[in-house]
């Protein structure tokens, strides 16, 4: 599989098969992804992969605390402006439409949101962290590492879903992962074999045309 195919095939899976993941496969993906670039080669990422009983215990604690904790950071700025507000709204509406959850059925939508805390049934939860003293450039480096993980997963026939949702549970993740006090939870990621029979996995989020956000100057 070439890079273009992997980028086209990657999507945020929200339904997984329960099939267990071999330790060696998870370890290989995480190690290979470390070829991602980082400023000054700081390699700021620290990753925790949980499965089996450790992951089940984490999910049980999250289910017992549906309102979350003080988040590590605000995922979105307050009072989103255009075009970001519309993009986020349309994305949510399209997602819920894919599984026939009307806007007025708020309990059902809340239950779907809570599926984040179950990693959508994925057998492996990845938790990406970094030293609190590092800044936005290193956050960007960690994002590139995560993208590398997702593309490598596609190459191996796996599915992923990056989840900033887990920044809402920093204390719970830290406790179950054994996170050092000086590290923050940046994001989680569901990893496993996607369920192709589930309608939510047939949905793909849209992208704006490149001419709306890209300018090419000086080319013939």
C-alpha atoms as a PDB file:
ATOM      1  CA  UNK A   1       0.000   0.000   0.000  1.00  0.00           C
ATOM      2  CA  UNK A   2       1.419   3.399  -0.932  1.00  0.00           C
ATOM      3  CA  UNK A   3       1.095   6.540   1.173  1.00  0.00           C
ATOM      4  CA  UNK A   4      -1.658   8.051  -0.989  1.00  0.00           C
ATOM      5  CA  UNK A   5      -3.786   4.925  -0.601  1.00  0.00           C
ATOM      6  CA  UNK A   6      -3.241   4.851   3.155  1.00  0.00           C
ATOM      7  CA  UNK A   7      -4.265   8.499   3.501  1.00  0.00           C
ATOM      8  CA  UNK A   8      -7.384   7.882   1.422  1.00  0.00           C
ATOM      9  CA  UNK A   9      -8.298   4.731   3.374  1.00  0.00           C
ATOM     10  CA  UNK A  10      -7.811   6.161   6.865  1.00  0.00           C
ATOM     11  CA  UNK A  11     -10.970   7.184   8.684  1.00  0.00           C
ATOM     12  CA  UNK A  12     -12.154   7.550  12.258  1.00  0.00           C
ATOM     13  CA  UNK A  13     -13.690   4.158  13.031  1.00  0.00           C
ATOM     14  CA  UNK A  14     -16.412   4.179  15.663  1.00  0.00           C
ATOM     15  CA  UNK A  15     -17.234   0.467  15.752  1.00  0.00           C
ATOM     16  CA  UNK A  16     -14.676  -2.300  16.265  1.00  0.00           C
ATOM     17  CA  UNK A  17     -14.595  -6.064  16.391  1.00  0.00           C
ATOM     18  CA  UNK A  18     -13.572  -7.519  19.777  1.00  0.00           C
ATOM     19  CA  UNK A  19     -10.721  -9.551  18.245  1.00  0.00           C
ATOM     20  CA  UNK A  20      -7.581  -9.232  20.385  1.00  0.00           C
ATOM     21  CA  UNK A  21      -4.487  -7.551  19.033  1.00  0.00           C
ATOM     22  CA  UNK A  22      -1.065  -9.263  19.104  1.00  0.00           C
ATOM     23  CA  UNK A  23       1.379  -7.445  21.350  1.00  0.00           C
ATOM     24  CA  UNK A  24       4.123  -7.652  18.715  1.00  0.00           C
ATOM     25  CA  UNK A  25       1.950  -5.914  16.116  1.00  0.00           C
ATOM     26  CA  UNK A  26       1.044  -3.024  18.417  1.00  0.00           C
ATOM     27  CA  UNK A  27       4.668  -2.643  19.505  1.00  0.00           C
ATOM     28  CA  UNK A  28       5.893  -2.629  15.893  1.00  0.00           C
ATOM     29  CA  UNK A  29       3.441   0.097  14.834  1.00  0.00           C
ATOM     30  CA  UNK A  30       4.339   2.321  17.772  1.00  0.00           C
ATOM     31  CA  UNK A  31       8.077   1.853  17.196  1.00  0.00           C
ATOM     32  CA  UNK A  32       7.932   2.486  13.442  1.00  0.00           C
ATOM     33  CA  UNK A  33       5.833   5.620  13.942  1.00  0.00           C
ATOM     34  CA  UNK A  34       8.755   7.149  15.833  1.00  0.00           C
ATOM     35  CA  UNK A  35      10.280   8.021  12.454  1.00  0.00           C
ATOM     36  CA  UNK A  36       7.835  10.947  12.556  1.00  0.00           C
ATOM     37  CA  UNK A  37       9.634  14.317  12.570  1.00  0.00           C
ATOM     38  CA  UNK A  38      10.044  16.427  15.680  1.00  0.00           C
ATOM     39  CA  UNK A  39      11.740  19.786  16.111  1.00  0.00           C
ATOM     40  CA  UNK A  40      15.303  19.303  17.312  1.00  0.00           C
ATOM     41  CA  UNK A  41      14.584  15.561  17.324  1.00  0.00           C
ATOM     42  CA  UNK A  42      13.067  15.971  20.812  1.00  0.00           C
ATOM     43  CA  UNK A  43      10.761  13.000  20.228  1.00  0.00           C
ATOM     44  CA  UNK A  44       8.386  14.368  22.868  1.00  0.00           C
ATOM     45  CA  UNK A  45       5.883  11.525  22.745  1.00  0.00           C
ATOM     46  CA  UNK A  46       5.232   9.027  25.478  1.00  0.00           C
ATOM     47  CA  UNK A  47       2.685   6.299  24.708  1.00  0.00           C
ATOM     48  CA  UNK A  48       0.739   3.842  26.840  1.00  0.00           C
ATOM     49  CA  UNK A  49      -1.059   0.902  25.200  1.00  0.00           C
ATOM     50  CA  UNK A  50      -3.729  -0.792  27.298  1.00  0.00           C
ATOM     51  CA  UNK A  51      -5.713  -3.924  26.568  1.00  0.00           C
ATOM     52  CA  UNK A  52      -7.395  -6.738  28.484  1.00  0.00           C
ATOM     53  CA  UNK A  53      -8.000  -6.231  32.207  1.00  0.00           C
ATOM     54  CA  UNK A  54      -6.108  -2.904  32.500  1.00  0.00           C
ATOM     55  CA  UNK A  55      -8.253  -1.400  29.737  1.00  0.00           C
ATOM     56  CA  UNK A  56     -11.459  -2.863  31.159  1.00  0.00           C
ATOM     57  CA  UNK A  57     -10.690  -1.322  34.553  1.00  0.00           C
ATOM     58  CA  UNK A  58     -10.082   2.073  32.950  1.00  0.00           C
ATOM     59  CA  UNK A  59     -13.348   1.941  31.008  1.00  0.00           C
ATOM     60  CA  UNK A  60     -15.257   0.952  34.137  1.00  0.00           C
ATOM     61  CA  UNK A  61     -13.973   4.012  35.995  1.00  0.00           C
ATOM     62  CA  UNK A  62     -14.896   6.265  33.077  1.00  0.00           C
ATOM     63  CA  UNK A  63     -18.408   4.799  32.932  1.00  0.00           C
ATOM     64  CA  UNK A  64     -18.808   5.551  36.645  1.00  0.00           C
ATOM     65  CA  UNK A  65     -17.891   9.209  36.053  1.00  0.00           C
ATOM     66  CA  UNK A  66     -19.754  10.308  32.890  1.00  0.00           C
ATOM     67  CA  UNK A  67     -19.160  14.021  33.531  1.00  0.00           C
ATOM     68  CA  UNK A  68     -15.392  13.686  33.415  1.00  0.00           C
ATOM     69  CA  UNK A  69     -12.732  15.616  35.300  1.00  0.00           C
ATOM     70  CA  UNK A  70     -11.057  18.991  34.880  1.00  0.00           C
ATOM     71  CA  UNK A  71      -9.775  18.690  31.314  1.00  0.00           C
ATOM     72  CA  UNK A  72      -6.116  19.033  30.405  1.00  0.00           C
ATOM     73  CA  UNK A  73      -7.069  21.716  27.867  1.00  0.00           C
ATOM     74  CA  UNK A  74     -10.069  23.001  25.910  1.00  0.00           C
ATOM     75  CA  UNK A  75     -10.295  21.030  22.682  1.00  0.00           C
ATOM     76  CA  UNK A  76     -12.153  23.831  20.879  1.00  0.00           C
ATOM     77  CA  UNK A  77     -12.010  27.603  21.429  1.00  0.00           C
ATOM     78  CA  UNK A  78     -15.096  29.131  22.999  1.00  0.00           C
ATOM     79  CA  UNK A  79     -17.644  30.610  20.572  1.00  0.00           C
ATOM     80  CA  UNK A  80     -16.232  29.025  17.439  1.00  0.00           C
ATOM     81  CA  UNK A  81     -16.336  31.329  14.402  1.00  0.00           C
ATOM     82  CA  UNK A  82     -16.794  30.611  10.726  1.00  0.00           C
ATOM     83  CA  UNK A  83     -15.933  28.486   8.896  1.00  0.00           C
ATOM     84  CA  UNK A  84     -14.988  26.307  11.876  1.00  0.00           C
ATOM     85  CA  UNK A  85     -18.383  26.490  13.567  1.00  0.00           C
ATOM     86  CA  UNK A  86     -20.220  25.249  10.482  1.00  0.00           C
ATOM     87  CA  UNK A  87     -17.678  22.512   9.812  1.00  0.00           C
ATOM     88  CA  UNK A  88     -18.025  21.160  13.338  1.00  0.00           C
ATOM     89  CA  UNK A  89     -21.829  21.360  13.275  1.00  0.00           C
ATOM     90  CA  UNK A  90     -22.154  19.646   9.905  1.00  0.00           C
ATOM     91  CA  UNK A  91     -19.716  16.933  10.923  1.00  0.00           C
ATOM     92  CA  UNK A  92     -21.788  16.082  13.987  1.00  0.00           C
ATOM     93  CA  UNK A  93     -25.042  16.084  12.048  1.00  0.00           C
ATOM     94  CA  UNK A  94     -23.600  13.818   9.365  1.00  0.00           C
ATOM     95  CA  UNK A  95     -22.233  11.400  11.948  1.00  0.00           C
ATOM     96  CA  UNK A  96     -25.554  11.041  13.753  1.00  0.00           C
ATOM     97  CA  UNK A  97     -27.454  10.772  10.475  1.00  0.00           C
ATOM     98  CA  UNK A  98     -25.252   7.813   9.533  1.00  0.00           C
ATOM     99  CA  UNK A  99     -26.767   5.853  12.423  1.00  0.00           C
ATOM    100  CA  UNK A 100     -30.265   7.381  12.248  1.00  0.00           C
ATOM    101  CA  UNK A 101     -30.098   9.443  15.435  1.00  0.00           C
ATOM    102  CA  UNK A 102     -32.323  12.503  14.954  1.00  0.00           C
ATOM    103  CA  UNK A 103     -31.394  15.798  16.578  1.00  0.00           C
ATOM    104  CA  UNK A 104     -34.351  15.648  18.964  1.00  0.00           C
ATOM    105  CA  UNK A 105     -33.272  12.263  20.388  1.00  0.00           C
ATOM    106  CA  UNK A 106     -30.745  13.757  22.778  1.00  0.00           C
ATOM    107  CA  UNK A 107     -30.522  10.702  25.101  1.00  0.00           C
ATOM    108  CA  UNK A 108     -29.491   8.515  22.174  1.00  0.00           C
ATOM    109  CA  UNK A 109     -26.911  11.070  21.066  1.00  0.00           C
ATOM    110  CA  UNK A 110     -25.502  11.231  24.575  1.00  0.00           C
ATOM    111  CA  UNK A 111     -25.227   7.448  24.622  1.00  0.00           C
ATOM    112  CA  UNK A 112     -23.312   7.585  21.354  1.00  0.00           C
ATOM    113  CA  UNK A 113     -21.010  10.248  22.814  1.00  0.00           C
ATOM    114  CA  UNK A 114     -20.385   7.993  25.810  1.00  0.00           C
ATOM    115  CA  UNK A 115     -19.139   5.322  23.412  1.00  0.00           C
ATOM    116  CA  UNK A 116     -15.923   7.350  23.320  1.00  0.00           C
ATOM    117  CA  UNK A 117     -15.265   6.167  26.856  1.00  0.00           C
ATOM    118  CA  UNK A 118     -15.601   2.588  25.628  1.00  0.00           C
ATOM    119  CA  UNK A 119     -13.147   3.249  22.776  1.00  0.00           C
ATOM    120  CA  UNK A 120     -16.028   2.181  20.524  1.00  0.00           C
ATOM    121  CA  UNK A 121     -15.345  -1.435  21.430  1.00  0.00           C
ATOM    122  CA  UNK A 122     -11.717  -1.406  20.287  1.00  0.00           C
ATOM    123  CA  UNK A 123      -9.506  -4.006  22.004  1.00  0.00           C
ATOM    124  CA  UNK A 124      -6.596  -1.568  22.436  1.00  0.00           C
ATOM    125  CA  UNK A 125      -6.531   1.938  23.831  1.00  0.00           C
ATOM    126  CA  UNK A 126      -3.502   4.100  23.060  1.00  0.00           C
ATOM    127  CA  UNK A 127      -2.839   7.126  25.265  1.00  0.00           C
ATOM    128  CA  UNK A 128      -0.464   9.816  24.041  1.00  0.00           C
ATOM    129  CA  UNK A 129       1.192  12.025  26.629  1.00  0.00           C
ATOM    130  CA  UNK A 130       4.041  14.487  26.907  1.00  0.00           C
ATOM    131  CA  UNK A 131       5.936  16.493  29.501  1.00  0.00           C
ATOM    132  CA  UNK A 132       3.881  19.437  30.780  1.00  0.00           C
ATOM    133  CA  UNK A 133       6.798  21.824  30.371  1.00  0.00           C
ATOM    134  CA  UNK A 134       6.831  21.333  26.606  1.00  0.00           C
ATOM    135  CA  UNK A 135       4.906  23.759  24.418  1.00  0.00           C
ATOM    136  CA  UNK A 136       2.708  23.981  21.297  1.00  0.00           C
ATOM    137  CA  UNK A 137       5.522  23.045  18.881  1.00  0.00           C
ATOM    138  CA  UNK A 138       5.930  19.736  20.698  1.00  0.00           C
ATOM    139  CA  UNK A 139       2.156  19.221  20.689  1.00  0.00           C
ATOM    140  CA  UNK A 140       2.404  19.500  16.901  1.00  0.00           C
ATOM    141  CA  UNK A 141       5.208  16.939  16.880  1.00  0.00           C
ATOM    142  CA  UNK A 142       3.037  14.551  18.870  1.00  0.00           C
ATOM    143  CA  UNK A 143       0.240  15.051  16.345  1.00  0.00           C
ATOM    144  CA  UNK A 144       2.591  14.012  13.535  1.00  0.00           C
ATOM    145  CA  UNK A 145       3.534  10.922  15.521  1.00  0.00           C
ATOM    146  CA  UNK A 146      -0.151  10.045  15.940  1.00  0.00           C
ATOM    147  CA  UNK A 147      -0.776  10.460  12.207  1.00  0.00           C
ATOM    148  CA  UNK A 148       2.102   8.066  11.551  1.00  0.00           C
ATOM    149  CA  UNK A 149       0.519   5.528  13.900  1.00  0.00           C
ATOM    150  CA  UNK A 150      -2.811   5.814  12.072  1.00  0.00           C
ATOM    151  CA  UNK A 151      -1.304   5.362   8.610  1.00  0.00           C
ATOM    152  CA  UNK A 152       0.774   2.384   9.705  1.00  0.00           C
ATOM    153  CA  UNK A 153      -2.379   0.856  11.176  1.00  0.00           C
ATOM    154  CA  UNK A 154      -4.151   1.243   7.826  1.00  0.00           C
ATOM    155  CA  UNK A 155      -1.253  -0.502   6.089  1.00  0.00           C
ATOM    156  CA  UNK A 156      -1.761  -3.494   8.372  1.00  0.00           C
ATOM    157  CA  UNK A 157      -5.505  -3.707   7.851  1.00  0.00           C
ATOM    158  CA  UNK A 158      -6.382  -2.035  11.143  1.00  0.00           C
ATOM    159  CA  UNK A 159      -8.649   0.856  12.058  1.00  0.00           C
ATOM    160  CA  UNK A 160      -8.188   3.757  14.457  1.00  0.00           C
ATOM    161  CA  UNK A 161     -10.025   6.686  15.981  1.00  0.00           C
ATOM    162  CA  UNK A 162      -8.041   9.553  17.499  1.00  0.00           C
ATOM    163  CA  UNK A 163      -9.878  10.806  20.595  1.00  0.00           C
ATOM    164  CA  UNK A 164      -9.133  14.100  22.316  1.00  0.00           C
ATOM    165  CA  UNK A 165     -12.073  13.006  24.468  1.00  0.00           C
ATOM    166  CA  UNK A 166      -9.540  11.437  26.813  1.00  0.00           C
ATOM    167  CA  UNK A 167      -8.190  14.847  27.785  1.00  0.00           C
ATOM    168  CA  UNK A 168     -11.391  14.989  29.874  1.00  0.00           C
ATOM    169  CA  UNK A 169     -10.118  12.132  32.066  1.00  0.00           C
ATOM    170  CA  UNK A 170      -6.503  13.039  32.874  1.00  0.00           C
ATOM    171  CA  UNK A 171      -6.547  11.713  36.432  1.00  0.00           C
ATOM    172  CA  UNK A 172      -8.211   8.430  35.493  1.00  0.00           C
ATOM    173  CA  UNK A 173      -5.841   7.791  32.587  1.00  0.00           C
ATOM    174  CA  UNK A 174      -2.838   8.749  34.712  1.00  0.00           C
ATOM    175  CA  UNK A 175      -3.886   6.341  37.434  1.00  0.00           C
ATOM    176  CA  UNK A 176      -4.480   3.363  35.158  1.00  0.00           C
ATOM    177  CA  UNK A 177      -1.505   3.977  32.864  1.00  0.00           C
ATOM    178  CA  UNK A 178       0.960   4.870  35.616  1.00  0.00           C
ATOM    179  CA  UNK A 179       1.611   8.287  34.121  1.00  0.00           C
ATOM    180  CA  UNK A 180       4.387  10.379  35.735  1.00  0.00           C
ATOM    181  CA  UNK A 181       3.159  13.481  37.549  1.00  0.00           C
ATOM    182  CA  UNK A 182       4.988  15.783  35.135  1.00  0.00           C
ATOM    183  CA  UNK A 183       3.218  14.380  32.061  1.00  0.00           C
ATOM    184  CA  UNK A 184      -0.139  15.411  30.608  1.00  0.00           C
ATOM    185  CA  UNK A 185      -2.703  13.420  28.655  1.00  0.00           C
ATOM    186  CA  UNK A 186      -2.841  14.834  25.133  1.00  0.00           C
ATOM    187  CA  UNK A 187      -5.093  12.317  23.382  1.00  0.00           C
ATOM    188  CA  UNK A 188      -6.274   8.754  23.241  1.00  0.00           C
ATOM    189  CA  UNK A 189      -6.756   6.486  20.247  1.00  0.00           C
ATOM    190  CA  UNK A 190      -8.886   3.418  19.659  1.00  0.00           C
ATOM    191  CA  UNK A 191      -7.000   0.699  17.779  1.00  0.00           C
ATOM    192  CA  UNK A 192      -8.251  -2.593  16.416  1.00  0.00           C
ATOM    193  CA  UNK A 193     -10.093  -4.296  13.594  1.00  0.00           C
ATOM    194  CA  UNK A 194     -12.909  -2.093  12.327  1.00  0.00           C
ATOM    195  CA  UNK A 195     -16.394  -3.590  12.032  1.00  0.00           C
ATOM    196  CA  UNK A 196     -17.318  -3.169   8.330  1.00  0.00           C
ATOM    197  CA  UNK A 197     -20.921  -4.224   8.993  1.00  0.00           C
ATOM    198  CA  UNK A 198     -21.657  -1.272  11.270  1.00  0.00           C
ATOM    199  CA  UNK A 199     -23.243   1.655   9.377  1.00  0.00           C
ATOM    200  CA  UNK A 200     -21.225   4.268  11.236  1.00  0.00           C
ATOM    201  CA  UNK A 201     -18.070   2.941   9.615  1.00  0.00           C
ATOM    202  CA  UNK A 202     -19.520   3.514   6.161  1.00  0.00           C
ATOM    203  CA  UNK A 203     -19.687   7.258   6.811  1.00  0.00           C
ATOM    204  CA  UNK A 204     -16.815   9.546   5.838  1.00  0.00           C
ATOM    205  CA  UNK A 205     -16.398  13.123   6.964  1.00  0.00           C
ATOM    206  CA  UNK A 206     -16.216  15.700   4.185  1.00  0.00           C
ATOM    207  CA  UNK A 207     -13.325  17.957   3.234  1.00  0.00           C
ATOM    208  CA  UNK A 208     -13.431  21.429   1.707  1.00  0.00           C
ATOM    209  CA  UNK A 209     -11.960  21.911  -1.753  1.00  0.00           C
ATOM    210  CA  UNK A 210      -8.283  22.832  -1.569  1.00  0.00           C
ATOM    211  CA  UNK A 211      -8.853  26.152  -3.329  1.00  0.00           C
ATOM    212  CA  UNK A 212     -10.728  27.357  -0.238  1.00  0.00           C
ATOM    213  CA  UNK A 213      -7.702  27.077   2.021  1.00  0.00           C
ATOM    214  CA  UNK A 214      -4.612  26.721  -0.187  1.00  0.00           C
ATOM    215  CA  UNK A 215      -2.835  29.378  -2.257  1.00  0.00           C
ATOM    216  CA  UNK A 216      -0.123  28.508  -4.759  1.00  0.00           C
ATOM    217  CA  UNK A 217       1.989  31.475  -5.848  1.00  0.00           C
ATOM    218  CA  UNK A 218       4.870  31.793  -8.285  1.00  0.00           C
ATOM    219  CA  UNK A 219       4.107  28.568 -10.163  1.00  0.00           C
ATOM    220  CA  UNK A 220       3.852  28.506 -13.944  1.00  0.00           C
END
